[in-house]
Amino acid sequence: MSTRHPKPPERSKTSDKSENSGRPKSRGWWVATGILAAGCLGVGAWLVPTAAGQWGMLTGADQPNVMDSASTAENPVKNLPDDAARPAPADLAGPLGAAAGKLNGGGTMSSQVVDVSSGDVLYSDDAAHPVTPASNLKLLTQFTLLSHTDPNSRYETNSYLSQDSKSVNLVAGGDTMISDGESDENSVLGHAGMRTLAEQTVDRLKNQGVSGELPVNLDASMYSGEATNPAWDSADIDAGYVTGISPIALWDHHTQRPSDGEDVSHRPDNAGEEALDQYVKALNELGADQGISFTAGTGSTTSGDQGEDRKLGSVESATVLEQAKYMMENSDNVLAEVLGRNAAVAAGNDGSIEGAIRTVKETLDAAGISTHGLTQKDSSGLSADNRVTPITLSQLIANATQSKTATSDLAETLPVAGGTGTLAARFEADDAKAAQGNARAKTGTLLKVNSLTGYTTTSQGRLLAYSFVVNDVTDAKAATNTLDASVAALSEL
């Protein structure tokens, strides 16, 4: 049974803009799959408090709301022509140099462009220099997640009756998108519902003849170490852009359903305890007529799983891929941290900050992707102390776009230039329109960082992976225009 959202109404086609510019019509398939089949692929940027107010200046539009988006797209790179001409490095130098000139001293750009089919580097400018990637770091997290997890699998939240039948154990399984109500199979956020789990629990206890007062204990041992990353700025935590990470949470680490994709309010002091309290509340509402009452345990347990014969209830998340898409579309810092830890557990490492970071490096190394200069502090890119090279980012995209494994799904989640997510209001300038419908990318924005990593096709249908990262930004608009013009220059080749 499919749990994906219905596709939203189709956007206006961009094929007219690309084809009327004299470009070969062989690219029509790209527009069709990239724009129409993409549905609502979405937000690929996140903004910390110091940069959030600059959204309109950066894009010229209101920040889009892709809160409920998690649609599925066709693989946008599977039907490329086999005989598309490969551009020569000399073909890129002039156009990219001209685009970089738009910075006009407003930052320092590092770049790399790779021909996906051959793996040849077509352009490189300071690409071995480690830079602050901002939200582009989420690409590493998602690549790692899809390398170790079946994209169609789901995270379970279970409840068990203790061996002495005197308590209930709530066992966290890595789903932090749980609602406080009934499960909703048509939604990613709230796919699993705490009230549904409580209903199952009370029914099973009733059938087993259990009555009286039962304490409910939380097993959150899936994760270890610190919940709050010391690399995060306290101002970002206070503003709600991130919070302490738990393997179980309501509403994506909110105390109520967030109003939209920008909502960082109503963060819990302790997400695990908040989920436990809501579970106990629902249990008491449902158990009163059955002669059963419940209290929240004062401690935690690491032995909550008592086996299938003691299981009282189970609810499942949306698929891993759907949660991963939600994370990318909303550029969700907290969910990125959750999925980073979940990936570590799936890989056999600790579900900790360090475990998630270690798993990324191990995964990239195993895939043959360069980790030179990689300094990772978190899984979301929120820390300004993260460092990665455009070499790593462009190699990751090249790997994903030609992968025959689950990591190929990463390519489908990126916003379409001029069509979806944070790129919907981008690429409007005359020198950027060539990328509309032809490029996809993950954006990244911090106060002094502006980045764009993704892929595009040339006018002949040749697939190129690119990473453009601007650090030391002093003119955010100039940086944005430079990135857009750089990608468009590739699309025009």
Protein backbone atom coordinates (compact mmCIF):
# COMPACT_ATOMS: atom_id res chain seq x y z
CA MET A 1 0.00 0.00 0.00
CA SER A 2 1.41 3.33 -1.02
CA THR A 3 1.85 5.95 1.66
CA ARG A 4 3.04 8.73 -0.59
CA HIS A 5 1.19 12.00 -0.89
CA PRO A 6 -0.79 12.59 -4.08
CA LYS A 7 1.14 14.73 -6.51
CA PRO A 8 0.27 18.43 -6.36
CA PRO A 9 -1.05 20.25 -9.41
CA GLU A 10 1.52 20.43 -12.16
CA ARG A 11 3.59 23.57 -12.44
CA SER A 12 3.77 25.51 -15.65
CA LYS A 13 6.05 23.74 -18.07
CA THR A 14 9.47 25.24 -18.58
CA SER A 15 10.08 23.41 -21.86
CA ASP A 16 9.03 26.49 -23.84
CA LYS A 17 11.70 28.55 -22.17
CA SER A 18 14.44 26.06 -22.89
CA GLU A 19 13.38 24.94 -26.35
CA ASN A 20 12.55 28.40 -27.67
CA SER A 21 16.07 29.51 -26.90
CA GLY A 22 17.32 27.41 -29.78
CA ARG A 23 18.41 24.47 -27.67
CA PRO A 24 18.18 20.95 -29.11
CA LYS A 25 14.80 19.37 -28.43
CA SER A 26 16.50 16.21 -27.19
CA ARG A 27 16.26 17.76 -23.73
CA GLY A 28 12.48 17.68 -23.67
CA TRP A 29 12.49 14.42 -21.75
CA TRP A 30 14.45 16.16 -18.99
CA VAL A 31 11.87 18.85 -18.55
CA ALA A 32 9.05 16.33 -18.61
CA THR A 33 10.55 14.10 -15.94
CA GLY A 34 12.29 16.86 -14.03
CA ILE A 35 9.32 19.19 -13.71
CA LEU A 36 6.11 17.25 -14.23
CA ALA A 37 7.00 13.91 -12.70
CA ALA A 38 8.89 15.59 -9.91
CA GLY A 39 5.68 16.72 -8.29
CA CYS A 40 6.60 18.63 -5.18
CA LEU A 41 10.28 18.07 -4.65
CA GLY A 42 11.23 20.86 -2.43
CA VAL A 43 13.21 23.06 -0.17
CA GLY A 44 16.90 22.39 -0.26
CA ALA A 45 18.10 25.26 1.90
CA TRP A 46 17.85 26.09 5.55
CA LEU A 47 18.49 29.38 7.21
CA VAL A 48 19.91 29.94 10.64
CA PRO A 49 18.57 32.88 12.66
CA THR A 50 21.21 35.29 11.43
CA ALA A 51 20.33 34.55 7.81
CA ALA A 52 16.61 33.83 7.94
CA GLY A 53 15.70 37.45 7.50
CA GLN A 54 17.66 37.55 4.26
CA TRP A 55 15.46 35.02 2.45
CA GLY A 56 13.67 37.60 0.33
CA MET A 57 16.95 39.28 -0.54
CA LEU A 58 18.51 35.96 -1.53
CA THR A 59 15.67 34.73 -3.72
CA GLY A 60 13.42 37.68 -4.40
CA ALA A 61 10.44 35.72 -3.07
CA ASP A 62 8.79 34.47 0.06
CA GLN A 63 10.28 31.28 1.45
CA PRO A 64 8.24 28.40 -0.03
CA ASN A 65 6.28 26.08 2.23
CA VAL A 66 6.89 22.45 1.40
CA MET A 67 5.90 21.19 4.82
CA ASP A 68 3.73 18.30 3.66
CA SER A 69 5.63 17.45 0.52
CA ALA A 70 7.14 14.02 0.04
CA SER A 71 6.20 13.06 -3.49
CA THR A 72 7.97 10.59 -5.70
CA ALA A 73 9.70 11.33 -8.98
CA GLU A 74 10.90 9.28 -11.89
CA ASN A 75 14.66 8.88 -12.07
CA PRO A 76 15.59 12.08 -13.90
CA VAL A 77 18.86 10.77 -15.32
CA LYS A 78 17.97 7.33 -16.63
CA ASN A 79 17.17 8.18 -20.26
CA LEU A 80 20.14 10.28 -21.28
CA PRO A 81 21.45 9.78 -24.81
CA ASP A 82 24.46 7.48 -24.99
CA ASP A 83 26.21 9.52 -27.66
CA ALA A 84 25.95 12.97 -26.08
CA ALA A 85 29.14 14.90 -26.73
CA ARG A 86 31.39 15.51 -23.75
CA PRO A 87 32.41 19.14 -23.41
CA ALA A 88 36.12 19.87 -23.24
CA PRO A 89 37.59 21.57 -20.17
CA ALA A 90 38.37 24.60 -22.31
CA ASP A 91 34.67 24.95 -23.05
CA LEU A 92 33.94 25.54 -19.36
CA ALA A 93 36.74 27.90 -18.40
CA GLY A 94 35.42 31.02 -20.09
CA PRO A 95 31.72 30.79 -19.11
CA LEU A 96 32.44 29.78 -15.52
CA GLY A 97 35.08 32.44 -15.17
CA ALA A 98 32.59 35.04 -16.35
CA ALA A 99 29.97 33.77 -13.92
CA ALA A 100 32.44 33.84 -11.04
CA GLY A 101 33.14 37.47 -11.85
CA LYS A 102 29.63 38.33 -10.68
CA LEU A 103 30.83 37.88 -7.11
CA ASN A 104 32.70 41.15 -7.50
CA GLY A 105 34.63 40.55 -4.30
CA GLY A 106 31.52 39.52 -2.38
CA GLY A 107 32.95 36.16 -1.39
CA THR A 108 35.37 33.39 -2.30
CA MET A 109 34.15 30.57 -4.53
CA SER A 110 35.46 27.01 -4.76
CA SER A 111 34.17 24.83 -7.58
CA GLN A 112 34.33 21.49 -9.30
CA VAL A 113 32.50 20.06 -12.31
CA VAL A 114 32.64 16.37 -13.20
CA ASP A 115 31.55 14.55 -16.33
CA VAL A 116 29.43 11.81 -14.78
CA SER A 117 29.82 9.21 -17.51
CA SER A 118 33.62 9.27 -17.66
CA GLY A 119 34.41 10.61 -14.21
CA ASP A 120 36.66 13.22 -15.78
CA VAL A 121 37.07 16.54 -14.00
CA LEU A 122 36.13 19.24 -16.49
CA TYR A 123 36.62 22.23 -14.22
CA SER A 124 38.27 22.76 -10.86
CA ASP A 125 38.92 25.99 -9.01
CA ASP A 126 40.31 25.65 -5.50
CA ALA A 127 38.24 22.46 -5.27
CA ALA A 128 40.63 20.72 -2.86
CA HIS A 129 40.19 23.51 -0.33
CA PRO A 130 37.91 22.50 2.57
CA VAL A 131 35.00 24.93 2.80
CA THR A 132 31.97 25.40 5.04
CA PRO A 133 29.16 23.66 3.13
CA ALA A 134 26.09 24.81 5.12
CA SER A 135 23.14 22.59 4.22
CA ASN A 136 25.03 20.87 1.41
CA LEU A 137 26.32 18.62 4.19
CA LYS A 138 22.90 16.96 4.24
CA LEU A 139 23.91 15.30 0.97
CA LEU A 140 26.50 13.30 2.91
CA THR A 141 23.91 12.32 5.51
CA GLN A 142 21.38 11.14 2.96
CA PHE A 143 23.96 9.27 0.88
CA THR A 144 25.06 7.45 4.03
CA LEU A 145 21.50 6.66 5.07
CA LEU A 146 20.59 5.19 1.69
CA SER A 147 23.84 3.21 1.65
CA HIS A 148 22.88 1.29 4.78
CA THR A 149 19.09 1.21 4.84
CA ASP A 150 16.45 -0.29 2.58
CA PRO A 151 14.62 2.81 1.33
CA ASN A 152 11.31 0.96 1.57
CA SER A 153 11.81 -0.08 5.19
CA ARG A 154 10.12 1.69 8.09
CA TYR A 155 11.01 2.62 11.64
CA GLU A 156 8.94 0.85 14.30
CA THR A 157 7.82 2.16 17.65
CA ASN A 158 6.81 -0.74 19.89
CA SER A 159 5.37 -1.37 23.32
CA TYR A 160 5.95 -4.46 25.46
CA LEU A 161 4.65 -5.93 28.69
CA SER A 162 7.42 -6.64 31.18
CA GLN A 163 8.20 -10.22 32.16
CA ASP A 164 6.49 -9.79 35.53
CA SER A 165 3.47 -8.18 33.81
CA LYS A 166 3.73 -5.20 36.14
CA SER A 167 4.92 -2.50 33.73
CA VAL A 168 4.84 -1.43 30.10
CA ASN A 169 7.91 -0.53 28.05
CA LEU A 170 7.78 2.01 25.23
CA VAL A 171 10.67 1.24 22.87
CA ALA A 172 11.99 3.96 20.57
CA GLY A 173 12.93 2.82 17.08
CA GLY A 174 14.13 5.97 15.37
CA ASP A 175 10.79 7.44 14.30
CA THR A 176 10.54 11.07 15.35
CA MET A 177 7.63 11.97 13.10
CA ILE A 178 4.95 10.45 15.35
CA SER A 179 1.68 12.33 15.86
CA ASP A 180 -0.21 12.56 19.13
CA GLY A 181 -3.32 11.12 17.46
CA GLU A 182 -4.25 8.30 15.13
CA SER A 183 -1.81 6.96 12.56
CA ASP A 184 -2.23 8.54 9.12
CA GLU A 185 -1.04 6.27 6.36
CA ASN A 186 -1.29 9.07 3.81
CA SER A 187 1.16 11.36 5.57
CA VAL A 188 4.88 11.34 6.24
CA LEU A 189 4.59 13.57 9.29
CA GLY A 190 2.27 11.66 11.59
CA HIS A 191 2.30 8.40 9.63
CA ALA A 192 2.56 6.66 13.00
CA GLY A 193 0.20 7.86 15.72
CA MET A 194 0.73 7.60 19.46
CA ARG A 195 -2.98 7.15 20.12
CA THR A 196 -3.07 4.22 17.71
CA LEU A 197 -0.24 2.61 19.67
CA ALA A 198 -2.13 3.25 22.91
CA GLU A 199 -5.28 1.66 21.49
CA GLN A 200 -3.36 -1.48 20.56
CA THR A 201 -1.72 -1.56 23.98
CA VAL A 202 -4.95 -1.27 25.96
CA ASP A 203 -6.72 -3.85 23.81
CA ARG A 204 -3.89 -6.35 24.29
CA LEU A 205 -3.74 -5.75 28.05
CA LYS A 206 -7.50 -6.19 28.31
CA ASN A 207 -7.32 -9.47 26.39
CA GLN A 208 -4.60 -10.69 28.75
CA GLY A 209 -6.65 -9.81 31.81
CA VAL A 210 -4.23 -7.19 33.09
CA SER A 211 -5.67 -4.52 35.38
CA GLY A 212 -4.57 -2.01 38.01
CA GLU A 213 -1.89 0.65 37.77
CA LEU A 214 1.07 0.11 35.48
CA PRO A 215 4.18 2.30 35.18
CA VAL A 216 5.33 2.96 31.63
CA ASN A 217 9.08 3.09 31.03
CA LEU A 218 10.89 4.50 28.01
CA ASP A 219 13.65 2.60 26.25
CA ALA A 220 15.59 5.17 24.23
CA SER A 221 18.81 3.16 24.20
CA MET A 222 18.93 3.18 20.39
CA TYR A 223 20.86 6.44 20.75
CA SER A 224 23.79 7.12 23.02
CA GLY A 225 25.92 10.07 24.02
CA GLU A 226 24.89 13.71 24.10
CA ALA A 227 21.48 14.72 22.79
CA THR A 228 22.62 18.26 22.03
CA ASN A 229 25.68 18.75 19.86
CA PRO A 230 28.26 21.06 21.49
CA ALA A 231 29.21 22.29 18.01
CA TRP A 232 25.88 24.09 17.68
CA ASP A 233 25.62 27.77 18.49
CA SER A 234 23.45 28.36 21.54
CA ALA A 235 21.55 31.05 19.64
CA ASP A 236 20.46 28.50 17.05
CA ILE A 237 19.27 26.15 19.80
CA ASP A 238 17.40 28.93 21.58
CA ALA A 239 15.74 29.93 18.31
CA GLY A 240 14.57 26.36 17.72
CA TYR A 241 16.57 25.71 14.57
CA VAL A 242 17.77 22.57 16.30
CA THR A 243 17.16 20.83 19.61
CA GLY A 244 18.24 17.83 21.64
CA ILE A 245 17.93 14.69 19.52
CA SER A 246 15.92 11.66 20.66
CA PRO A 247 15.15 8.35 18.88
CA ILE A 248 11.46 8.98 19.58
CA ALA A 249 9.60 12.27 19.28
CA LEU A 250 6.27 13.77 18.42
CA TRP A 251 5.80 15.96 15.38
CA ASP A 252 9.44 16.01 14.25
CA HIS A 253 10.66 17.21 17.66
CA HIS A 254 7.81 19.69 18.24
CA THR A 255 5.24 19.68 21.04
CA GLN A 256 2.47 20.26 18.49
CA ARG A 257 2.09 19.87 14.76
CA PRO A 258 4.29 22.55 13.14
CA SER A 259 2.33 25.09 11.17
CA ASP A 260 4.59 24.96 8.13
CA GLY A 261 8.06 24.07 6.98
CA GLU A 262 9.55 27.19 8.54
CA ASP A 263 8.06 26.59 11.99
CA VAL A 264 10.81 26.14 14.57
CA SER A 265 8.62 26.97 17.56
CA HIS A 266 7.34 24.67 20.31
CA ARG A 267 10.47 22.60 20.72
CA PRO A 268 10.30 20.18 23.67
CA ASP A 269 12.75 20.33 26.56
CA ASN A 270 13.09 16.56 26.25
CA ALA A 271 11.50 14.96 23.19
CA GLY A 272 11.62 11.44 24.60
CA GLU A 273 9.85 12.42 27.80
CA GLU A 274 7.29 14.41 25.82
CA ALA A 275 6.50 11.33 23.71
CA LEU A 276 6.26 9.14 26.80
CA ASP A 277 3.91 11.58 28.51
CA GLN A 278 1.64 11.72 25.47
CA TYR A 279 1.58 7.92 25.29
CA VAL A 280 0.64 7.69 28.98
CA LYS A 281 -2.06 10.33 28.51
CA ALA A 282 -3.63 8.35 25.66
CA LEU A 283 -3.33 5.10 27.62
CA ASN A 284 -5.22 6.59 30.56
CA GLU A 285 -7.96 7.98 28.33
CA LEU A 286 -8.46 4.59 26.74
CA GLY A 287 -7.81 2.40 29.76
CA ALA A 288 -10.14 4.02 32.27
CA ASP A 289 -13.14 1.92 31.26
CA GLN A 290 -11.01 -1.23 31.37
CA GLY A 291 -9.84 -0.78 34.94
CA ILE A 292 -6.29 0.01 33.90
CA SER A 293 -4.34 3.16 34.77
CA PHE A 294 -0.85 4.21 33.84
CA THR A 295 1.94 6.42 35.17
CA ALA A 296 5.08 7.63 33.45
CA GLY A 297 8.12 5.83 34.82
CA THR A 298 10.67 7.98 36.56
CA GLY A 299 13.64 6.26 34.98
CA SER A 300 14.60 4.69 31.68
CA THR A 301 15.19 1.13 30.61
CA THR A 302 17.57 -0.48 28.17
CA SER A 303 15.72 -3.80 28.08
CA GLY A 304 12.35 -2.68 26.81
CA ASP A 305 12.13 -5.26 24.04
CA GLN A 306 10.69 -8.35 25.69
CA GLY A 307 10.11 -10.38 22.52
CA GLU A 308 7.19 -10.88 20.20
CA ASP A 309 5.13 -12.83 22.73
CA ARG A 310 5.19 -9.81 25.07
CA LYS A 311 4.52 -7.19 22.40
CA LEU A 312 1.49 -5.02 23.09
CA GLY A 313 1.51 -2.76 20.07
CA SER A 314 3.48 -1.46 17.11
CA VAL A 315 3.22 1.52 14.76
CA GLU A 316 5.36 2.19 11.70
CA SER A 317 6.77 5.33 10.17
CA ALA A 318 6.56 6.32 6.55
CA THR A 319 9.29 4.66 4.51
CA VAL A 320 12.89 5.63 5.06
CA LEU A 321 12.96 7.15 1.59
CA GLU A 322 9.87 9.24 2.31
CA GLN A 323 11.39 10.54 5.51
CA ALA A 324 14.66 11.20 3.69
CA LYS A 325 12.80 13.17 1.02
CA TYR A 326 10.94 15.11 3.67
CA MET A 327 14.26 15.98 5.25
CA MET A 328 15.71 17.24 1.97
CA GLU A 329 12.58 19.04 0.82
CA ASN A 330 12.23 20.93 4.08
CA SER A 331 15.99 20.95 4.70
CA ASP A 332 15.10 19.81 8.18
CA ASN A 333 18.07 20.11 10.54
CA VAL A 334 16.57 18.01 13.32
CA LEU A 335 15.42 15.21 11.04
CA ALA A 336 18.85 15.20 9.39
CA GLU A 337 20.40 14.60 12.79
CA VAL A 338 17.93 11.78 13.47
CA LEU A 339 18.54 10.09 10.13
CA GLY A 340 22.28 10.47 10.58
CA ARG A 341 22.11 8.54 13.84
CA ASN A 342 19.71 6.00 12.36
CA ALA A 343 22.18 5.42 9.54
CA ALA A 344 24.92 4.82 12.09
CA VAL A 345 22.83 2.21 13.89
CA ALA A 346 21.97 0.53 10.58
CA ALA A 347 25.70 0.37 9.79
CA GLY A 348 26.47 -1.26 13.13
CA ASN A 349 27.86 1.84 14.81
CA ASP A 350 26.67 3.74 17.86
CA GLY A 351 23.63 5.96 17.50
CA SER A 352 25.60 8.95 18.72
CA ILE A 353 26.97 12.18 17.31
CA GLU A 354 30.34 10.52 16.88
CA GLY A 355 28.82 7.34 15.48
CA ALA A 356 26.95 9.26 12.80
CA ILE A 357 30.06 11.19 11.81
CA ARG A 358 32.19 8.05 11.72
CA THR A 359 29.62 6.27 9.55
CA VAL A 360 29.68 9.05 6.96
CA LYS A 361 33.44 8.79 6.51
CA GLU A 362 33.36 5.00 6.39
CA THR A 363 30.61 5.11 3.79
CA LEU A 364 32.30 7.67 1.58
CA ASP A 365 35.59 5.79 1.78
CA ALA A 366 33.87 2.54 0.81
CA ALA A 367 32.23 4.26 -2.16
CA GLY A 368 35.55 5.66 -3.36
CA ILE A 369 34.49 9.24 -2.68
CA SER A 370 37.26 11.53 -1.48
CA THR A 371 37.23 12.48 2.19
CA HIS A 372 40.29 14.72 1.92
CA GLY A 373 39.79 17.73 4.17
CA LEU A 374 36.52 16.44 5.61
CA THR A 375 35.85 17.80 9.08
CA GLN A 376 32.35 16.93 10.18
CA LYS A 377 30.73 18.22 13.35
CA ASP A 378 27.08 17.28 12.79
CA SER A 379 24.68 15.67 10.31
CA SER A 380 22.74 18.75 9.28
CA GLY A 381 25.32 21.35 8.33
CA LEU A 382 24.20 23.68 11.09
CA SER A 383 27.67 23.93 12.59
CA ALA A 384 29.86 26.56 11.01
CA ASP A 385 32.84 24.32 11.83
CA ASN A 386 31.96 21.69 9.21
CA ARG A 387 34.41 21.46 6.33
CA VAL A 388 34.17 19.56 3.06
CA THR A 389 35.67 20.04 -0.38
CA PRO A 390 33.80 20.57 -3.65
CA ILE A 391 35.68 17.47 -4.79
CA THR A 392 33.81 15.38 -2.23
CA LEU A 393 30.45 16.97 -3.01
CA SER A 394 30.74 16.65 -6.79
CA GLN A 395 32.00 13.07 -6.55
CA LEU A 396 29.06 12.18 -4.31
CA ILE A 397 26.57 13.55 -6.84
CA ALA A 398 28.31 11.76 -9.70
CA ASN A 399 28.22 8.52 -7.72
CA ALA A 400 24.52 8.86 -6.85
CA THR A 401 23.37 9.78 -10.35
CA GLN A 402 24.90 6.67 -11.88
CA SER A 403 24.39 4.30 -8.96
CA LYS A 404 22.45 1.08 -9.39
CA THR A 405 21.81 0.91 -5.65
CA ALA A 406 19.47 2.74 -3.29
CA THR A 407 21.75 5.78 -3.27
CA SER A 408 20.40 6.64 -6.72
CA ASP A 409 17.24 7.82 -4.95
CA LEU A 410 19.22 10.80 -3.70
CA ALA A 411 19.27 12.26 -7.20
CA GLU A 412 15.48 12.34 -7.35
CA THR A 413 15.03 14.37 -4.18
CA LEU A 414 16.83 17.52 -5.29
CA PRO A 415 14.79 20.61 -6.26
CA VAL A 416 14.47 21.51 -9.94
CA ALA A 417 15.92 24.79 -11.16
CA GLY A 418 13.12 27.28 -11.68
CA GLY A 419 10.56 24.65 -10.80
CA THR A 420 10.42 23.40 -7.23
CA GLY A 421 11.44 24.11 -3.67
CA THR A 422 14.02 26.77 -2.98
CA LEU A 423 14.92 26.75 -6.65
CA ALA A 424 11.39 27.70 -7.72
CA ALA A 425 12.18 31.41 -7.50
CA ARG A 426 15.77 31.04 -8.67
CA PHE A 427 17.31 31.13 -12.15
CA GLU A 428 15.10 34.02 -13.31
CA ALA A 429 17.88 36.28 -14.55
CA ASP A 430 18.61 36.22 -18.27
CA ASP A 431 22.02 34.66 -17.70
CA ALA A 432 20.52 31.89 -15.54
CA LYS A 433 17.38 30.82 -17.42
CA ALA A 434 19.19 28.13 -19.38
CA ALA A 435 19.24 25.97 -16.25
CA GLN A 436 15.46 26.08 -15.79
CA GLY A 437 14.12 22.54 -15.91
CA ASN A 438 17.55 21.17 -16.73
CA ALA A 439 19.35 21.31 -13.39
CA ARG A 440 18.73 20.02 -9.89
CA ALA A 441 20.59 21.07 -6.78
CA LYS A 442 20.81 21.20 -3.02
CA THR A 443 21.18 24.72 -1.74
CA GLY A 444 22.93 25.77 1.42
CA THR A 445 22.74 29.09 3.21
CA LEU A 446 24.45 30.50 6.27
CA LEU A 447 25.23 34.12 6.96
CA LYS A 448 28.64 33.82 5.27
CA VAL A 449 27.98 30.75 3.14
CA ASN A 450 26.06 30.17 -0.08
CA SER A 451 26.36 26.81 -1.82
CA LEU A 452 24.80 24.84 -4.65
CA THR A 453 25.60 21.21 -5.40
CA GLY A 454 23.78 19.05 -7.92
CA TYR A 455 23.70 18.06 -11.56
CA THR A 456 22.56 19.30 -14.95
CA THR A 457 22.58 18.29 -18.59
CA THR A 458 24.32 20.16 -21.35
CA SER A 459 22.44 21.22 -24.48
CA GLN A 460 23.48 17.88 -25.98
CA GLY A 461 22.22 15.84 -23.04
CA ARG A 462 25.55 15.19 -21.31
CA LEU A 463 25.19 14.79 -17.55
CA LEU A 464 27.47 16.91 -15.38
CA ALA A 465 27.81 16.94 -11.59
CA TYR A 466 28.84 20.19 -9.97
CA SER A 467 29.55 21.82 -6.65
CA PHE A 468 29.86 25.58 -6.24
CA VAL A 469 30.49 26.87 -2.71
CA VAL A 470 30.95 30.51 -1.75
CA ASN A 471 32.45 31.26 1.66
CA ASP A 472 33.19 34.59 3.33
CA VAL A 473 30.05 36.00 1.74
CA THR A 474 29.65 39.75 2.07
CA ASP A 475 27.04 40.16 -0.66
CA ALA A 476 24.41 37.42 -0.45
CA LYS A 477 22.57 38.47 -3.59
CA ALA A 478 25.75 38.52 -5.64
CA ALA A 479 26.63 35.06 -4.35
CA THR A 480 23.21 33.69 -5.31
CA ASN A 481 23.41 35.22 -8.79
CA THR A 482 26.88 33.80 -9.26
CA LEU A 483 25.79 30.29 -8.36
CA ASP A 484 22.76 30.43 -10.66
CA ALA A 485 24.79 31.80 -13.56
CA SER A 486 27.44 29.12 -13.04
CA VAL A 487 24.93 26.29 -13.29
CA ALA A 488 23.26 27.90 -16.30
CA ALA A 489 26.64 28.15 -18.01
CA LEU A 490 26.93 24.38 -17.73
CA SER A 491 23.42 23.86 -19.07
CA GLU A 492 24.25 25.97 -22.13
CA LEU A 493 27.32 23.97 -23.14
